[in-house]
PDB file of N, CA and C in Angstrom:
ATOM      1  N   MET A   1      53.294  97.188  41.204  1.00  0.00           N
ATOM      2  CA  MET A   1      54.077  96.908  42.680  1.00  0.00           C
ATOM      3  C   MET A   1      55.549  97.108  42.260  1.00  0.00           C
ATOM      4  N   GLU A   2      55.999  97.857  43.479  1.00  0.00           N
ATOM      5  CA  GLU A   2      56.891  98.427  43.772  1.00  0.00           C
ATOM      6  C   GLU A   2      57.882  97.652  44.121  1.00  0.00           C
ATOM      7  N   LYS A   3      59.318  97.921  43.557  1.00  0.00           N
ATOM      8  CA  LYS A   3      59.977  96.728  43.834  1.00  0.00           C
ATOM      9  C   LYS A   3      60.702  97.516  45.095  1.00  0.00           C
ATOM     10  N   VAL A   4      61.559  96.821  46.069  1.00  0.00           N
ATOM     11  CA  VAL A   4      61.997  97.061  47.477  1.00  0.00           C
ATOM     12  C   VAL A   4      63.124  95.916  47.973  1.00  0.00           C
ATOM     13  N   LYS A   5      64.380  96.336  48.072  1.00  0.00           N
ATOM     14  CA  LYS A   5      65.672  95.687  48.267  1.00  0.00           C
ATOM     15  C   LYS A   5      65.112  95.039  49.562  1.00  0.00           C
ATOM     16  N   PRO A   6      65.510  93.691  49.917  1.00  0.00           N
ATOM     17  CA  PRO A   6      65.013  92.840  51.102  1.00  0.00           C
ATOM     18  C   PRO A   6      65.126  93.865  52.168  1.00  0.00           C
ATOM     19  N   LEU A   7      66.490  93.838  52.476  1.00  0.00           N
ATOM     20  CA  LEU A   7      66.945  94.671  53.782  1.00  0.00           C
ATOM     21  C   LEU A   7      66.552  95.904  53.974  1.00  0.00           C
ATOM     22  N   GLU A   8      65.954  96.762  53.202  1.00  0.00           N
ATOM     23  CA  GLU A   8      65.257  97.714  53.510  1.00  0.00           C
ATOM     24  C   GLU A   8      64.162  97.626  54.000  1.00  0.00           C
ATOM     25  N   CYS A   9      63.668  96.628  54.114  1.00  0.00           N
ATOM     26  CA  CYS A   9      62.340  96.180  54.575  1.00  0.00           C
ATOM     27  C   CYS A   9      62.113  95.723  55.843  1.00  0.00           C
ATOM     28  N   ILE A  10      63.605  95.591  56.340  1.00  0.00           N
ATOM     29  CA  ILE A  10      63.899  94.907  58.056  1.00  0.00           C
ATOM     30  C   ILE A  10      64.529  96.423  58.840  1.00  0.00           C
ATOM     31  N   ILE A  11      63.734  96.410  59.552  1.00  0.00           N
ATOM     32  CA  ILE A  11      64.000  97.097  60.945  1.00  0.00           C
ATOM     33  C   ILE A  11      64.235  96.856  62.523  1.00  0.00           C
ATOM     34  N   ILE A  12      65.520  96.990  63.255  1.00  0.00           N
ATOM     35  CA  ILE A  12      65.744  97.190  64.158  1.00  0.00           C
ATOM     36  C   ILE A  12      65.144  98.297  64.853  1.00  0.00           C
ATOM     37  N   ASN A  13      64.274  97.961  66.246  1.00  0.00           N
ATOM     38  CA  ASN A  13      63.870  99.190  66.894  1.00  0.00           C
ATOM     39  C   ASN A  13      63.673  98.822  68.597  1.00  0.00           C
ATOM     40  N   PRO A  14      64.435  99.403  69.501  1.00  0.00           N
ATOM     41  CA  PRO A  14      63.910  98.647  70.648  1.00  0.00           C
ATOM     42  C   PRO A  14      63.021  98.732  71.182  1.00  0.00           C
ATOM     43  N   LYS A  15      62.188  99.882  70.496  1.00  0.00           N
ATOM     44  CA  LYS A  15      60.297  99.666  71.171  1.00  0.00           C
ATOM     45  C   LYS A  15      60.000  99.021  70.543  1.00  0.00           C
ATOM     46  N   VAL A  16      60.119  98.136  69.691  1.00  0.00           N
ATOM     47  CA  VAL A  16      59.146  97.033  68.608  1.00  0.00           C
ATOM     48  C   VAL A  16      59.825  95.836  69.070  1.00  0.00           C
ATOM     49  N   MET A  17      58.978  95.133  69.859  1.00  0.00           N
ATOM     50  CA  MET A  17      59.315  93.364  69.975  1.00  0.00           C
ATOM     51  C   MET A  17      60.291  93.629  70.500  1.00  0.00           C
ATOM     52  N   VAL A  18      60.722  94.287  71.524  1.00  0.00           N
ATOM     53  CA  VAL A  18      62.465  94.241  72.195  1.00  0.00           C
ATOM     54  C   VAL A  18      63.271  94.001  71.422  1.00  0.00           C
ATOM     55  N   GLY A  19      63.411  95.097  70.418  1.00  0.00           N
ATOM     56  CA  GLY A  19      64.648  95.255  69.520  1.00  0.00           C
ATOM     57  C   GLY A  19      64.681  93.960  68.625  1.00  0.00           C
ATOM     58  N   LYS A  20      64.270  92.975  68.393  1.00  0.00           N
ATOM     59  CA  LYS A  20      64.365  91.825  67.356  1.00  0.00           C
ATOM     60  C   LYS A  20      63.990  92.512  65.959  1.00  0.00           C
ATOM     61  N   PRO A  21      64.963  91.704  64.873  1.00  0.00           N
ATOM     62  CA  PRO A  21      64.371  92.432  63.627  1.00  0.00           C
ATOM     63  C   PRO A  21      63.099  92.294  63.173  1.00  0.00           C
ATOM     64  N   VAL A  22      62.546  92.937  62.864  1.00  0.00           N
ATOM     65  CA  VAL A  22      60.595  93.007  62.283  1.00  0.00           C
ATOM     66  C   VAL A  22      60.764  93.596  60.990  1.00  0.00           C
ATOM     67  N   ILE A  23      59.728  93.081  60.095  1.00  0.00           N
ATOM     68  CA  ILE A  23      59.573  93.452  59.046  1.00  0.00           C
ATOM     69  C   ILE A  23      58.743  94.824  59.319  1.00  0.00           C
ATOM     70  N   ARG A  24      59.196  95.652  58.280  1.00  0.00           N
ATOM     71  CA  ARG A  24      58.451  97.432  58.502  1.00  0.00           C
ATOM     72  C   ARG A  24      57.172  97.243  58.340  1.00  0.00           C
ATOM     73  N   GLY A  25      56.939  98.188  59.398  1.00  0.00           N
ATOM     74  CA  GLY A  25      55.287  98.535  59.430  1.00  0.00           C
ATOM     75  C   GLY A  25      54.553  97.145  59.711  1.00  0.00           C
ATOM     76  N   THR A  26      55.095  95.920  60.475  1.00  0.00           N
ATOM     77  CA  THR A  26      54.262  95.023  60.935  1.00  0.00           C
ATOM     78  C   THR A  26      55.231  94.806  62.109  1.00  0.00           C
ATOM     79  N   ARG A  27      54.633  93.561  63.155  1.00  0.00           N
ATOM     80  CA  ARG A  27      55.445  92.855  64.087  1.00  0.00           C
ATOM     81  C   ARG A  27      55.600  91.641  63.693  1.00  0.00           C
ATOM     82  N   LEU A  28      55.736  91.461  63.113  1.00  0.00           N
ATOM     83  CA  LEU A  28      56.497  90.090  62.115  1.00  0.00           C
ATOM     84  C   LEU A  28      58.013  89.928  62.398  1.00  0.00           C
ATOM     85  N   THR A  29      58.486  88.993  63.062  1.00  0.00           N
ATOM     86  CA  THR A  29      59.961  88.975  63.844  1.00  0.00           C
ATOM     87  C   THR A  29      60.537  88.290  62.394  1.00  0.00           C
ATOM     88  N   VAL A  30      61.905  88.362  62.187  1.00  0.00           N
ATOM     89  CA  VAL A  30      62.629  88.185  61.306  1.00  0.00           C
ATOM     90  C   VAL A  30      63.512  86.672  62.029  1.00  0.00           C
ATOM     91  N   LEU A  31      63.731  85.473  61.696  1.00  0.00           N
ATOM     92  CA  LEU A  31      64.350  84.833  62.236  1.00  0.00           C
ATOM     93  C   LEU A  31      66.003  84.871  61.337  1.00  0.00           C
ATOM     94  N   LEU A  32      67.247  85.203  61.874  1.00  0.00           N
ATOM     95  CA  LEU A  32      68.153  85.163  61.259  1.00  0.00           C
ATOM     96  C   LEU A  32      68.940  83.860  61.908  1.00  0.00           C
ATOM     97  N   CYS A  33      69.245  83.048  60.756  1.00  0.00           N
ATOM     98  CA  CYS A  33      70.101  81.961  61.057  1.00  0.00           C
ATOM     99  C   CYS A  33      71.469  81.942  60.970  1.00  0.00           C
TER     100      CYS A  33
END
C-alpha cells in the first residue's frame, strides 16, 4: 500500500463538481469545516 499525503488526494477543478474540492479520481466532495 502506497502512502499518500492527504492534501495530495484533494483537487479543485472547475470542470468537476462545479469547482468544489474532491478526492482525486472520484466525484466525492470534501466538506471543509
